[in-house]
Amino acid sequence: MKVKELRDLLKDKDKKLITDAFVEVYKALPKSKKEELDDVIESIVSGEGKKKATKHEEVSLTDLFVEIQDFLQDAYHGYYIAPNRIVPKKERPKWRFKVKRYLKILLDVPSDHPYFSQVVILIREIYKMLSYGCGVYIFTSDDPFASIGMEQEKLYGEYVARQLQLNIDEASIIEMVNGATHCYLSRERLHIMLFGVLDHYIQKQKYRDMVFNYCQKFIKSQKDFIATLKRHDDRLYEAKELLTNMNQLAFIFHNDTFEKALQYYFQNEIIKNPEISLYTLLMVIDIFYSYKEWIEAYEYGVEIKHIQPRQKLMDKYERYKNEV
């Protein structure tokens, strides 16, 4: 019913009936809504009136920066999931409302604001913290992005888009690339989705070349690092995954001919099964390239690398050939 209808319904009713009705409605609310309304209820009952959200213009960004930095430190220390004396128990479930508020304010700051560069850094750090929470429990949720109602690639895109409005150097390129490769993933997300964000926003060739050059350096050093690990080293899986991520990204941002990109990809592929390597590559090409490049990569794998593809790929090859 509408608010007016509710007021008419409650008009002249006994106070006990209204109280009982309110309590029953409150009990029916999900926990997140209860937490969101607690402060409003307390302020009205105490006679202060309904609390109003603070306007962004009235927010001191410098104070907010300090608050966010303290929050990030507390989150990484596990103070929002484990018993401690730093963050009160009743405040721990409210972390997602804090993050929503922080992002709402930060994302509204225009690029000509004097504190814009600090804002971009904090958006990046919040993204990194939420990504970390997808792999390590720092909140009660195993998917912090879902908890704040924002997809991982969406927040990553907000960060990248703003970072590109500032001066770009090697350090900022490394931060953007690592945000797509060196991170835990939200539920139902893949690294390739983050690669798509990076590919969408980084259009200038000199920046694309910087991405590829960083990938090259990382791949070389990572291969050297993996060579030092023993077979059952617990760091091996993560190290190989990082190398695979970087190799795919290097292929997407490769600045030479498509054939050279194929050669580079297979040269640095760590997956032992060559058919799986081809299958994975063709998945990437399906997203970032056309049927023509997909066919070229398929034929390269079959004729040059002598890979026997699975039937599904063979069928797709025939279909793409007919469509081209």
C-alpha atoms as a PDB file:
ATOM      1  CA  MET A   1       0.000   0.000   0.000  1.00  0.00           C
ATOM      2  CA  LYS A   2       1.004   3.640  -0.349  1.00  0.00           C
ATOM      3  CA  VAL A   3       2.289   5.737   2.565  1.00  0.00           C
ATOM      4  CA  LYS A   4      -0.945   7.734   2.726  1.00  0.00           C
ATOM      5  CA  GLU A   5      -2.997   4.533   2.881  1.00  0.00           C
ATOM      6  CA  LEU A   6      -0.780   3.272   5.690  1.00  0.00           C
ATOM      7  CA  ARG A   7      -1.234   6.499   7.642  1.00  0.00           C
ATOM      8  CA  ASP A   8      -5.022   6.262   7.224  1.00  0.00           C
ATOM      9  CA  LEU A   9      -4.971   2.642   8.363  1.00  0.00           C
ATOM     10  CA  LEU A  10      -3.006   3.463  11.529  1.00  0.00           C
ATOM     11  CA  LYS A  11      -5.009   6.569  12.334  1.00  0.00           C
ATOM     12  CA  ASP A  12      -6.806   6.391  15.718  1.00  0.00           C
ATOM     13  CA  LYS A  13      -5.546   2.838  16.327  1.00  0.00           C
ATOM     14  CA  ASP A  14      -4.488   1.688  19.798  1.00  0.00           C
ATOM     15  CA  LYS A  15      -0.788   2.289  20.509  1.00  0.00           C
ATOM     16  CA  LYS A  16      -0.240  -1.362  21.449  1.00  0.00           C
ATOM     17  CA  LEU A  17      -1.703  -2.566  18.136  1.00  0.00           C
ATOM     18  CA  ILE A  18       0.576  -0.207  16.210  1.00  0.00           C
ATOM     19  CA  THR A  19       3.594  -1.325  18.236  1.00  0.00           C
ATOM     20  CA  ASP A  20       2.793  -5.010  17.683  1.00  0.00           C
ATOM     21  CA  ALA A  21       2.303  -4.442  13.944  1.00  0.00           C
ATOM     22  CA  PHE A  22       5.584  -2.548  13.679  1.00  0.00           C
ATOM     23  CA  VAL A  23       7.506  -5.264  15.537  1.00  0.00           C
ATOM     24  CA  GLU A  24       6.054  -7.983  13.288  1.00  0.00           C
ATOM     25  CA  VAL A  25       6.985  -6.042  10.158  1.00  0.00           C
ATOM     26  CA  TYR A  26      10.490  -5.485  11.533  1.00  0.00           C
ATOM     27  CA  LYS A  27      10.866  -9.206  12.274  1.00  0.00           C
ATOM     28  CA  ALA A  28       9.903 -10.013   8.684  1.00  0.00           C
ATOM     29  CA  LEU A  29      12.659  -7.811   7.245  1.00  0.00           C
ATOM     30  CA  PRO A  30      15.916  -9.411   6.074  1.00  0.00           C
ATOM     31  CA  LYS A  31      18.917  -8.843   8.312  1.00  0.00           C
ATOM     32  CA  SER A  32      20.534  -6.357   5.928  1.00  0.00           C
ATOM     33  CA  LYS A  33      17.426  -4.148   5.912  1.00  0.00           C
ATOM     34  CA  LYS A  34      17.183  -4.277   9.709  1.00  0.00           C
ATOM     35  CA  GLU A  35      20.777  -3.063  10.005  1.00  0.00           C
ATOM     36  CA  GLU A  36      20.094  -0.300   7.490  1.00  0.00           C
ATOM     37  CA  LEU A  37      17.007   0.918   9.391  1.00  0.00           C
ATOM     38  CA  ASP A  38      18.340   0.622  12.951  1.00  0.00           C
ATOM     39  CA  ASP A  39      19.869   4.105  13.023  1.00  0.00           C
ATOM     40  CA  VAL A  40      16.738   5.645  11.488  1.00  0.00           C
ATOM     41  CA  ILE A  41      14.470   3.972  14.071  1.00  0.00           C
ATOM     42  CA  GLU A  42      16.725   4.971  16.981  1.00  0.00           C
ATOM     43  CA  SER A  43      16.872   8.612  15.850  1.00  0.00           C
ATOM     44  CA  ILE A  44      13.071   8.855  15.476  1.00  0.00           C
ATOM     45  CA  VAL A  45      12.355   7.162  18.840  1.00  0.00           C
ATOM     46  CA  SER A  46      14.892   9.415  20.602  1.00  0.00           C
ATOM     47  CA  GLY A  47      13.077  12.478  19.255  1.00  0.00           C
ATOM     48  CA  GLU A  48      15.839  13.585  16.871  1.00  0.00           C
ATOM     49  CA  GLY A  49      13.652  13.041  13.811  1.00  0.00           C
ATOM     50  CA  LYS A  50      14.426  10.952  10.761  1.00  0.00           C
ATOM     51  CA  LYS A  51      18.104  10.897   9.902  1.00  0.00           C
ATOM     52  CA  LYS A  52      18.920  12.334   6.513  1.00  0.00           C
ATOM     53  CA  ALA A  53      21.787  11.181   4.360  1.00  0.00           C
ATOM     54  CA  THR A  54      24.683  13.593   4.352  1.00  0.00           C
ATOM     55  CA  LYS A  55      24.983  15.502   1.115  1.00  0.00           C
ATOM     56  CA  HIS A  56      28.147  14.844  -0.833  1.00  0.00           C
ATOM     57  CA  GLU A  57      28.964  18.545  -0.849  1.00  0.00           C
ATOM     58  CA  GLU A  58      29.023  18.560   2.934  1.00  0.00           C
ATOM     59  CA  VAL A  59      31.400  15.625   3.182  1.00  0.00           C
ATOM     60  CA  SER A  60      35.002  16.472   4.032  1.00  0.00           C
ATOM     61  CA  LEU A  61      37.006  14.402   1.557  1.00  0.00           C
ATOM     62  CA  THR A  62      40.138  14.624   3.676  1.00  0.00           C
ATOM     63  CA  ASP A  63      38.252  13.183   6.666  1.00  0.00           C
ATOM     64  CA  LEU A  64      36.716  10.549   4.409  1.00  0.00           C
ATOM     65  CA  PHE A  65      40.154   9.542   3.113  1.00  0.00           C
ATOM     66  CA  VAL A  66      41.340   8.892   6.661  1.00  0.00           C
ATOM     67  CA  GLU A  67      38.155   6.939   7.445  1.00  0.00           C
ATOM     68  CA  ILE A  68      38.550   4.758   4.345  1.00  0.00           C
ATOM     69  CA  GLN A  69      42.221   4.057   5.066  1.00  0.00           C
ATOM     70  CA  ASP A  70      41.332   3.008   8.620  1.00  0.00           C
ATOM     71  CA  PHE A  71      38.535   0.806   7.280  1.00  0.00           C
ATOM     72  CA  LEU A  72      40.842  -0.900   4.770  1.00  0.00           C
ATOM     73  CA  GLN A  73      43.425  -1.564   7.460  1.00  0.00           C
ATOM     74  CA  ASP A  74      40.791  -3.020   9.804  1.00  0.00           C
ATOM     75  CA  ALA A  75      39.363  -5.191   7.011  1.00  0.00           C
ATOM     76  CA  TYR A  76      42.763  -6.661   6.086  1.00  0.00           C
ATOM     77  CA  HIS A  77      43.414  -7.395   9.760  1.00  0.00           C
ATOM     78  CA  GLY A  78      40.186  -9.417   9.922  1.00  0.00           C
ATOM     79  CA  TYR A  79      38.469  -7.100  12.376  1.00  0.00           C
ATOM     80  CA  TYR A  80      35.166  -7.360  10.471  1.00  0.00           C
ATOM     81  CA  ILE A  81      34.948 -11.143  10.791  1.00  0.00           C
ATOM     82  CA  ALA A  82      36.804 -12.168  13.961  1.00  0.00           C
ATOM     83  CA  PRO A  83      36.162 -11.131  17.585  1.00  0.00           C
ATOM     84  CA  ASN A  84      38.316  -8.123  18.477  1.00  0.00           C
ATOM     85  CA  ARG A  85      38.347  -4.901  20.478  1.00  0.00           C
ATOM     86  CA  ILE A  86      38.819  -2.610  17.490  1.00  0.00           C
ATOM     87  CA  VAL A  87      35.530  -2.989  15.602  1.00  0.00           C
ATOM     88  CA  PRO A  88      32.440  -3.514  17.844  1.00  0.00           C
ATOM     89  CA  LYS A  89      30.395  -6.640  17.150  1.00  0.00           C
ATOM     90  CA  LYS A  90      27.304  -4.715  16.069  1.00  0.00           C
ATOM     91  CA  GLU A  91      29.361  -2.711  13.559  1.00  0.00           C
ATOM     92  CA  ARG A  92      30.963  -5.692  11.789  1.00  0.00           C
ATOM     93  CA  PRO A  93      27.971  -6.658   9.605  1.00  0.00           C
ATOM     94  CA  LYS A  94      27.622  -3.030   8.496  1.00  0.00           C
ATOM     95  CA  TRP A  95      30.849  -3.064   6.450  1.00  0.00           C
ATOM     96  CA  ARG A  96      28.957  -3.302   3.151  1.00  0.00           C
ATOM     97  CA  PHE A  97      26.976  -0.150   3.890  1.00  0.00           C
ATOM     98  CA  LYS A  98      30.235   1.653   4.606  1.00  0.00           C
ATOM     99  CA  VAL A  99      31.711   0.517   1.293  1.00  0.00           C
ATOM    100  CA  LYS A 100      28.555   1.534  -0.581  1.00  0.00           C
ATOM    101  CA  ARG A 101      28.740   4.992   0.998  1.00  0.00           C
ATOM    102  CA  TYR A 102      32.451   5.352   0.253  1.00  0.00           C
ATOM    103  CA  LEU A 103      32.006   4.412  -3.390  1.00  0.00           C
ATOM    104  CA  LYS A 104      28.923   6.570  -3.825  1.00  0.00           C
ATOM    105  CA  ILE A 105      30.885   9.616  -2.724  1.00  0.00           C
ATOM    106  CA  LEU A 106      34.156   8.788  -4.469  1.00  0.00           C
ATOM    107  CA  LEU A 107      32.563   7.933  -7.817  1.00  0.00           C
ATOM    108  CA  ASP A 108      30.779  11.311  -7.823  1.00  0.00           C
ATOM    109  CA  VAL A 109      34.000  13.317  -7.543  1.00  0.00           C
ATOM    110  CA  PRO A 110      34.679  15.055 -10.900  1.00  0.00           C
ATOM    111  CA  SER A 111      38.024  14.785 -12.704  1.00  0.00           C
ATOM    112  CA  ASP A 112      38.770  18.489 -12.207  1.00  0.00           C
ATOM    113  CA  HIS A 113      38.575  18.196  -8.418  1.00  0.00           C
ATOM    114  CA  PRO A 114      41.919  18.948  -6.682  1.00  0.00           C
ATOM    115  CA  TYR A 115      41.710  15.633  -4.798  1.00  0.00           C
ATOM    116  CA  PHE A 116      40.827  13.544  -7.858  1.00  0.00           C
ATOM    117  CA  SER A 117      44.127  11.623  -7.921  1.00  0.00           C
ATOM    118  CA  GLN A 118      43.682  10.576  -4.269  1.00  0.00           C
ATOM    119  CA  VAL A 119      40.097   9.546  -5.065  1.00  0.00           C
ATOM    120  CA  VAL A 120      41.321   7.266  -7.877  1.00  0.00           C
ATOM    121  CA  ILE A 121      43.835   5.647  -5.543  1.00  0.00           C
ATOM    122  CA  LEU A 122      41.145   4.924  -2.957  1.00  0.00           C
ATOM    123  CA  ILE A 123      38.754   3.487  -5.560  1.00  0.00           C
ATOM    124  CA  ARG A 124      41.606   1.213  -6.633  1.00  0.00           C
ATOM    125  CA  GLU A 125      42.362   0.194  -3.046  1.00  0.00           C
ATOM    126  CA  ILE A 126      38.702  -0.568  -2.308  1.00  0.00           C
ATOM    127  CA  TYR A 127      38.589  -2.703  -5.477  1.00  0.00           C
ATOM    128  CA  LYS A 128      41.729  -4.576  -4.406  1.00  0.00           C
ATOM    129  CA  MET A 129      40.337  -5.133  -0.909  1.00  0.00           C
ATOM    130  CA  LEU A 130      37.026  -6.502  -2.236  1.00  0.00           C
ATOM    131  CA  SER A 131      38.917  -8.754  -4.669  1.00  0.00           C
ATOM    132  CA  TYR A 132      41.065 -10.017  -1.805  1.00  0.00           C
ATOM    133  CA  GLY A 133      37.867 -10.785   0.098  1.00  0.00           C
ATOM    134  CA  CYS A 134      36.800 -13.102  -2.745  1.00  0.00           C
ATOM    135  CA  GLY A 135      39.689 -15.434  -1.907  1.00  0.00           C
ATOM    136  CA  VAL A 136      40.355 -14.829   1.781  1.00  0.00           C
ATOM    137  CA  TYR A 137      37.624 -14.423   4.398  1.00  0.00           C
ATOM    138  CA  ILE A 138      37.801 -10.874   5.729  1.00  0.00           C
ATOM    139  CA  PHE A 139      34.000 -10.506   5.874  1.00  0.00           C
ATOM    140  CA  THR A 140      31.209 -13.013   6.487  1.00  0.00           C
ATOM    141  CA  SER A 141      30.524 -12.980   2.730  1.00  0.00           C
ATOM    142  CA  ASP A 142      32.632 -14.999   0.291  1.00  0.00           C
ATOM    143  CA  ASP A 143      31.639 -12.562  -2.484  1.00  0.00           C
ATOM    144  CA  PRO A 144      32.036  -8.960  -1.261  1.00  0.00           C
ATOM    145  CA  PHE A 145      31.127  -7.559  -4.693  1.00  0.00           C
ATOM    146  CA  ALA A 146      27.740  -9.262  -4.547  1.00  0.00           C
ATOM    147  CA  SER A 147      27.287  -7.952  -1.010  1.00  0.00           C
ATOM    148  CA  ILE A 148      27.658  -4.324  -2.130  1.00  0.00           C
ATOM    149  CA  GLY A 149      25.572  -4.915  -5.261  1.00  0.00           C
ATOM    150  CA  MET A 150      28.315  -4.113  -7.797  1.00  0.00           C
ATOM    151  CA  GLU A 151      29.959  -6.509 -10.246  1.00  0.00           C
ATOM    152  CA  GLN A 152      33.721  -6.855 -10.033  1.00  0.00           C
ATOM    153  CA  GLU A 153      34.348  -5.794 -13.625  1.00  0.00           C
ATOM    154  CA  LYS A 154      32.100  -2.757 -13.127  1.00  0.00           C
ATOM    155  CA  LEU A 155      34.151  -1.381 -10.229  1.00  0.00           C
ATOM    156  CA  TYR A 156      37.372  -2.298 -12.029  1.00  0.00           C
ATOM    157  CA  GLY A 157      36.144  -0.324 -15.046  1.00  0.00           C
ATOM    158  CA  GLU A 158      35.302   2.676 -12.866  1.00  0.00           C
ATOM    159  CA  TYR A 159      38.863   2.644 -11.556  1.00  0.00           C
ATOM    160  CA  VAL A 160      40.532   2.182 -14.975  1.00  0.00           C
ATOM    161  CA  ALA A 161      38.402   4.875 -16.634  1.00  0.00           C
ATOM    162  CA  ARG A 162      39.415   7.396 -13.964  1.00  0.00           C
ATOM    163  CA  GLN A 163      43.053   6.350 -13.897  1.00  0.00           C
ATOM    164  CA  LEU A 164      43.316   7.060 -17.621  1.00  0.00           C
ATOM    165  CA  GLN A 165      42.236  10.652 -16.977  1.00  0.00           C
ATOM    166  CA  LEU A 166      45.475  11.169 -15.042  1.00  0.00           C
ATOM    167  CA  ASN A 167      49.091  11.035 -16.194  1.00  0.00           C
ATOM    168  CA  ILE A 168      49.966   7.498 -17.270  1.00  0.00           C
ATOM    169  CA  ASP A 169      53.364   6.018 -16.494  1.00  0.00           C
ATOM    170  CA  GLU A 170      54.767   2.524 -16.069  1.00  0.00           C
ATOM    171  CA  ALA A 171      53.662   2.345 -12.429  1.00  0.00           C
ATOM    172  CA  SER A 172      50.028   3.161 -13.243  1.00  0.00           C
ATOM    173  CA  ILE A 173      50.039   0.631 -16.107  1.00  0.00           C
ATOM    174  CA  ILE A 174      51.350  -2.039 -13.741  1.00  0.00           C
ATOM    175  CA  GLU A 175      48.620  -1.224 -11.200  1.00  0.00           C
ATOM    176  CA  MET A 176      45.885  -1.464 -13.852  1.00  0.00           C
ATOM    177  CA  VAL A 177      47.216  -4.734 -15.283  1.00  0.00           C
ATOM    178  CA  ASN A 178      47.678  -6.309 -11.858  1.00  0.00           C
ATOM    179  CA  GLY A 179      44.102  -5.353 -11.036  1.00  0.00           C
ATOM    180  CA  ALA A 180      42.996  -7.713 -13.808  1.00  0.00           C
ATOM    181  CA  THR A 181      45.541 -10.499 -13.346  1.00  0.00           C
ATOM    182  CA  HIS A 182      46.750 -10.574  -9.726  1.00  0.00           C
ATOM    183  CA  CYS A 183      43.353 -10.853  -8.070  1.00  0.00           C
ATOM    184  CA  TYR A 184      40.841 -13.307  -6.681  1.00  0.00           C
ATOM    185  CA  LEU A 185      37.607 -13.455  -8.608  1.00  0.00           C
ATOM    186  CA  SER A 186      34.039 -12.759  -7.623  1.00  0.00           C
ATOM    187  CA  ARG A 187      31.547 -15.604  -8.015  1.00  0.00           C
ATOM    188  CA  GLU A 188      30.769 -16.384 -11.691  1.00  0.00           C
ATOM    189  CA  ARG A 189      33.544 -14.089 -12.899  1.00  0.00           C
ATOM    190  CA  LEU A 190      36.566 -14.870 -15.082  1.00  0.00           C
ATOM    191  CA  HIS A 191      39.828 -12.997 -15.571  1.00  0.00           C
ATOM    192  CA  ILE A 192      38.977 -12.627 -19.237  1.00  0.00           C
ATOM    193  CA  MET A 193      36.077 -10.335 -18.246  1.00  0.00           C
ATOM    194  CA  LEU A 194      38.571  -8.009 -16.581  1.00  0.00           C
ATOM    195  CA  PHE A 195      40.837  -8.250 -19.644  1.00  0.00           C
ATOM    196  CA  GLY A 196      37.859  -7.059 -21.682  1.00  0.00           C
ATOM    197  CA  VAL A 197      37.553  -3.971 -19.478  1.00  0.00           C
ATOM    198  CA  LEU A 198      41.243  -3.203 -19.924  1.00  0.00           C
ATOM    199  CA  ASP A 199      41.023  -3.730 -23.688  1.00  0.00           C
ATOM    200  CA  HIS A 200      37.962  -1.474 -23.894  1.00  0.00           C
ATOM    201  CA  TYR A 201      39.439   1.489 -22.058  1.00  0.00           C
ATOM    202  CA  ILE A 202      43.070   1.373 -23.179  1.00  0.00           C
ATOM    203  CA  GLN A 203      42.876   2.476 -26.800  1.00  0.00           C
ATOM    204  CA  LYS A 204      45.966   4.625 -27.312  1.00  0.00           C
ATOM    205  CA  GLN A 205      48.684   2.567 -28.968  1.00  0.00           C
ATOM    206  CA  LYS A 206      51.458   3.851 -26.698  1.00  0.00           C
ATOM    207  CA  TYR A 207      49.508   2.691 -23.639  1.00  0.00           C
ATOM    208  CA  ARG A 208      48.746  -0.666 -25.261  1.00  0.00           C
ATOM    209  CA  ASP A 209      52.443  -1.059 -25.977  1.00  0.00           C
ATOM    210  CA  MET A 210      53.190  -0.324 -22.314  1.00  0.00           C
ATOM    211  CA  VAL A 211      50.773  -3.062 -21.271  1.00  0.00           C
ATOM    212  CA  PHE A 212      52.393  -5.564 -23.635  1.00  0.00           C
ATOM    213  CA  ASN A 213      55.912  -4.611 -22.523  1.00  0.00           C
ATOM    214  CA  TYR A 214      54.989  -5.134 -18.874  1.00  0.00           C
ATOM    215  CA  CYS A 215      53.422  -8.504 -19.732  1.00  0.00           C
ATOM    216  CA  GLN A 216      56.631  -9.501 -21.521  1.00  0.00           C
ATOM    217  CA  LYS A 217      58.805  -8.617 -18.544  1.00  0.00           C
ATOM    218  CA  PHE A 218      56.504 -10.379 -16.112  1.00  0.00           C
ATOM    219  CA  ILE A 219      56.251 -13.545 -18.226  1.00  0.00           C
ATOM    220  CA  LYS A 220      60.032 -13.820 -18.446  1.00  0.00           C
ATOM    221  CA  SER A 221      60.563 -13.335 -14.709  1.00  0.00           C
ATOM    222  CA  GLN A 222      57.661 -15.627 -13.838  1.00  0.00           C
ATOM    223  CA  LYS A 223      59.020 -18.441 -15.990  1.00  0.00           C
ATOM    224  CA  ASP A 224      62.363 -18.083 -14.236  1.00  0.00           C
ATOM    225  CA  PHE A 225      60.610 -18.164 -10.846  1.00  0.00           C
ATOM    226  CA  ILE A 226      58.567 -21.271 -11.741  1.00  0.00           C
ATOM    227  CA  ALA A 227      61.766 -23.032 -12.821  1.00  0.00           C
ATOM    228  CA  THR A 228      63.061 -22.674  -9.240  1.00  0.00           C
ATOM    229  CA  LEU A 229      59.990 -24.318  -7.668  1.00  0.00           C
ATOM    230  CA  LYS A 230      59.796 -27.993  -6.867  1.00  0.00           C
ATOM    231  CA  ARG A 231      56.986 -30.168  -8.170  1.00  0.00           C
ATOM    232  CA  HIS A 232      54.835 -30.075  -5.030  1.00  0.00           C
ATOM    233  CA  ASP A 233      55.574 -26.493  -3.975  1.00  0.00           C
ATOM    234  CA  ASP A 234      52.325 -24.902  -2.787  1.00  0.00           C
ATOM    235  CA  ARG A 235      53.201 -21.734  -4.730  1.00  0.00           C
ATOM    236  CA  LEU A 236      53.301 -23.542  -8.060  1.00  0.00           C
ATOM    237  CA  TYR A 237      49.581 -23.457  -8.883  1.00  0.00           C
ATOM    238  CA  GLU A 238      49.215 -19.729  -8.274  1.00  0.00           C
ATOM    239  CA  ALA A 239      52.452 -19.003 -10.137  1.00  0.00           C
ATOM    240  CA  LYS A 240      51.260 -20.925 -13.188  1.00  0.00           C
ATOM    241  CA  GLU A 241      47.854 -19.250 -13.085  1.00  0.00           C
ATOM    242  CA  LEU A 242      49.493 -15.818 -13.053  1.00  0.00           C
ATOM    243  CA  LEU A 243      51.668 -16.774 -16.011  1.00  0.00           C
ATOM    244  CA  THR A 244      48.607 -18.014 -17.931  1.00  0.00           C
ATOM    245  CA  ASN A 245      46.739 -14.773 -17.193  1.00  0.00           C
ATOM    246  CA  MET A 246      49.640 -12.646 -18.344  1.00  0.00           C
ATOM    247  CA  ASN A 247      50.141 -14.738 -21.476  1.00  0.00           C
ATOM    248  CA  GLN A 248      46.512 -14.281 -22.487  1.00  0.00           C
ATOM    249  CA  LEU A 249      46.696 -10.550 -21.835  1.00  0.00           C
ATOM    250  CA  ALA A 250      49.934 -10.284 -23.814  1.00  0.00           C
ATOM    251  CA  PHE A 251      48.206 -12.007 -26.726  1.00  0.00           C
ATOM    252  CA  ILE A 252      45.323  -9.514 -26.613  1.00  0.00           C
ATOM    253  CA  PHE A 253      47.699  -6.526 -26.498  1.00  0.00           C
ATOM    254  CA  HIS A 254      50.351  -7.944 -28.843  1.00  0.00           C
ATOM    255  CA  ASN A 255      51.556  -5.151 -31.106  1.00  0.00           C
ATOM    256  CA  ASP A 256      52.867  -7.196 -34.070  1.00  0.00           C
ATOM    257  CA  THR A 257      51.189  -9.383 -36.700  1.00  0.00           C
ATOM    258  CA  PHE A 258      48.576 -11.919 -35.660  1.00  0.00           C
ATOM    259  CA  GLU A 259      50.909 -14.774 -36.568  1.00  0.00           C
ATOM    260  CA  LYS A 260      53.620 -13.324 -34.324  1.00  0.00           C
ATOM    261  CA  ALA A 261      51.042 -13.071 -31.532  1.00  0.00           C
ATOM    262  CA  LEU A 262      50.199 -16.773 -32.012  1.00  0.00           C
ATOM    263  CA  GLN A 263      53.871 -17.714 -31.911  1.00  0.00           C
ATOM    264  CA  TYR A 264      54.392 -15.703 -28.741  1.00  0.00           C
ATOM    265  CA  TYR A 265      51.362 -17.264 -27.066  1.00  0.00           C
ATOM    266  CA  PHE A 266      52.400 -20.878 -27.676  1.00  0.00           C
ATOM    267  CA  GLN A 267      56.012 -20.099 -26.821  1.00  0.00           C
ATOM    268  CA  ASN A 268      55.005 -18.981 -23.335  1.00  0.00           C
ATOM    269  CA  GLU A 269      52.050 -21.310 -22.695  1.00  0.00           C
ATOM    270  CA  ILE A 270      52.614 -23.309 -19.515  1.00  0.00           C
ATOM    271  CA  ILE A 271      49.710 -25.764 -19.905  1.00  0.00           C
ATOM    272  CA  LYS A 272      51.221 -29.153 -20.723  1.00  0.00           C
ATOM    273  CA  ASN A 273      48.299 -30.339 -22.825  1.00  0.00           C
ATOM    274  CA  PRO A 274      48.621 -28.515 -26.191  1.00  0.00           C
ATOM    275  CA  GLU A 275      44.971 -29.211 -27.082  1.00  0.00           C
ATOM    276  CA  ILE A 276      43.824 -27.389 -23.957  1.00  0.00           C
ATOM    277  CA  SER A 277      46.178 -24.528 -24.829  1.00  0.00           C
ATOM    278  CA  LEU A 278      44.561 -24.239 -28.263  1.00  0.00           C
ATOM    279  CA  TYR A 279      41.060 -24.507 -26.791  1.00  0.00           C
ATOM    280  CA  THR A 280      41.800 -21.730 -24.276  1.00  0.00           C
ATOM    281  CA  LEU A 281      43.330 -19.510 -26.955  1.00  0.00           C
ATOM    282  CA  LEU A 282      40.321 -19.918 -29.233  1.00  0.00           C
ATOM    283  CA  MET A 283      38.032 -18.908 -26.334  1.00  0.00           C
ATOM    284  CA  VAL A 284      40.005 -15.666 -26.046  1.00  0.00           C
ATOM    285  CA  ILE A 285      39.872 -15.079 -29.807  1.00  0.00           C
ATOM    286  CA  ASP A 286      36.110 -15.684 -29.819  1.00  0.00           C
ATOM    287  CA  ILE A 287      35.759 -12.650 -27.539  1.00  0.00           C
ATOM    288  CA  PHE A 288      38.385 -10.245 -28.861  1.00  0.00           C
ATOM    289  CA  TYR A 289      38.729 -11.085 -32.549  1.00  0.00           C
ATOM    290  CA  SER A 290      36.706 -12.065 -35.621  1.00  0.00           C
ATOM    291  CA  TYR A 291      35.970 -15.414 -37.270  1.00  0.00           C
ATOM    292  CA  LYS A 292      38.909 -14.806 -39.620  1.00  0.00           C
ATOM    293  CA  GLU A 293      41.445 -14.731 -36.778  1.00  0.00           C
ATOM    294  CA  TRP A 294      39.739 -17.684 -35.084  1.00  0.00           C
ATOM    295  CA  ILE A 295      40.141 -19.762 -38.250  1.00  0.00           C
ATOM    296  CA  GLU A 296      43.764 -18.634 -38.630  1.00  0.00           C
ATOM    297  CA  ALA A 297      44.563 -19.624 -35.036  1.00  0.00           C
ATOM    298  CA  TYR A 298      42.815 -22.995 -35.440  1.00  0.00           C
ATOM    299  CA  GLU A 299      44.751 -23.791 -38.608  1.00  0.00           C
ATOM    300  CA  TYR A 300      47.987 -22.635 -36.980  1.00  0.00           C
ATOM    301  CA  GLY A 301      47.407 -25.029 -34.090  1.00  0.00           C
ATOM    302  CA  VAL A 302      46.563 -27.946 -36.370  1.00  0.00           C
ATOM    303  CA  GLU A 303      49.106 -27.418 -39.157  1.00  0.00           C
ATOM    304  CA  ILE A 304      52.057 -25.807 -37.356  1.00  0.00           C
ATOM    305  CA  LYS A 305      51.727 -27.140 -33.801  1.00  0.00           C
ATOM    306  CA  HIS A 306      50.233 -30.501 -34.929  1.00  0.00           C
ATOM    307  CA  ILE A 307      47.449 -30.358 -32.340  1.00  0.00           C
ATOM    308  CA  GLN A 308      44.499 -32.706 -32.625  1.00  0.00           C
ATOM    309  CA  PRO A 309      41.491 -30.570 -31.567  1.00  0.00           C
ATOM    310  CA  ARG A 310      38.377 -31.934 -29.910  1.00  0.00           C
ATOM    311  CA  GLN A 311      35.265 -32.577 -31.996  1.00  0.00           C
ATOM    312  CA  LYS A 312      33.567 -29.444 -30.675  1.00  0.00           C
ATOM    313  CA  LEU A 313      36.330 -27.281 -32.115  1.00  0.00           C
ATOM    314  CA  MET A 314      36.303 -29.169 -35.390  1.00  0.00           C
ATOM    315  CA  ASP A 315      32.577 -28.548 -35.755  1.00  0.00           C
ATOM    316  CA  LYS A 316      32.977 -24.865 -34.900  1.00  0.00           C
ATOM    317  CA  TYR A 317      35.797 -24.573 -37.464  1.00  0.00           C
ATOM    318  CA  GLU A 318      33.552 -25.896 -40.232  1.00  0.00           C
ATOM    319  CA  ARG A 319      30.748 -23.558 -39.179  1.00  0.00           C
ATOM    320  CA  TYR A 320      33.015 -20.509 -39.105  1.00  0.00           C
ATOM    321  CA  LYS A 321      34.518 -21.436 -42.477  1.00  0.00           C
ATOM    322  CA  ASN A 322      31.053 -21.535 -44.018  1.00  0.00           C
ATOM    323  CA  GLU A 323      30.061 -18.216 -42.430  1.00  0.00           C
ATOM    324  CA  VAL A 324      33.238 -16.471 -43.586  1.00  0.00           C
END
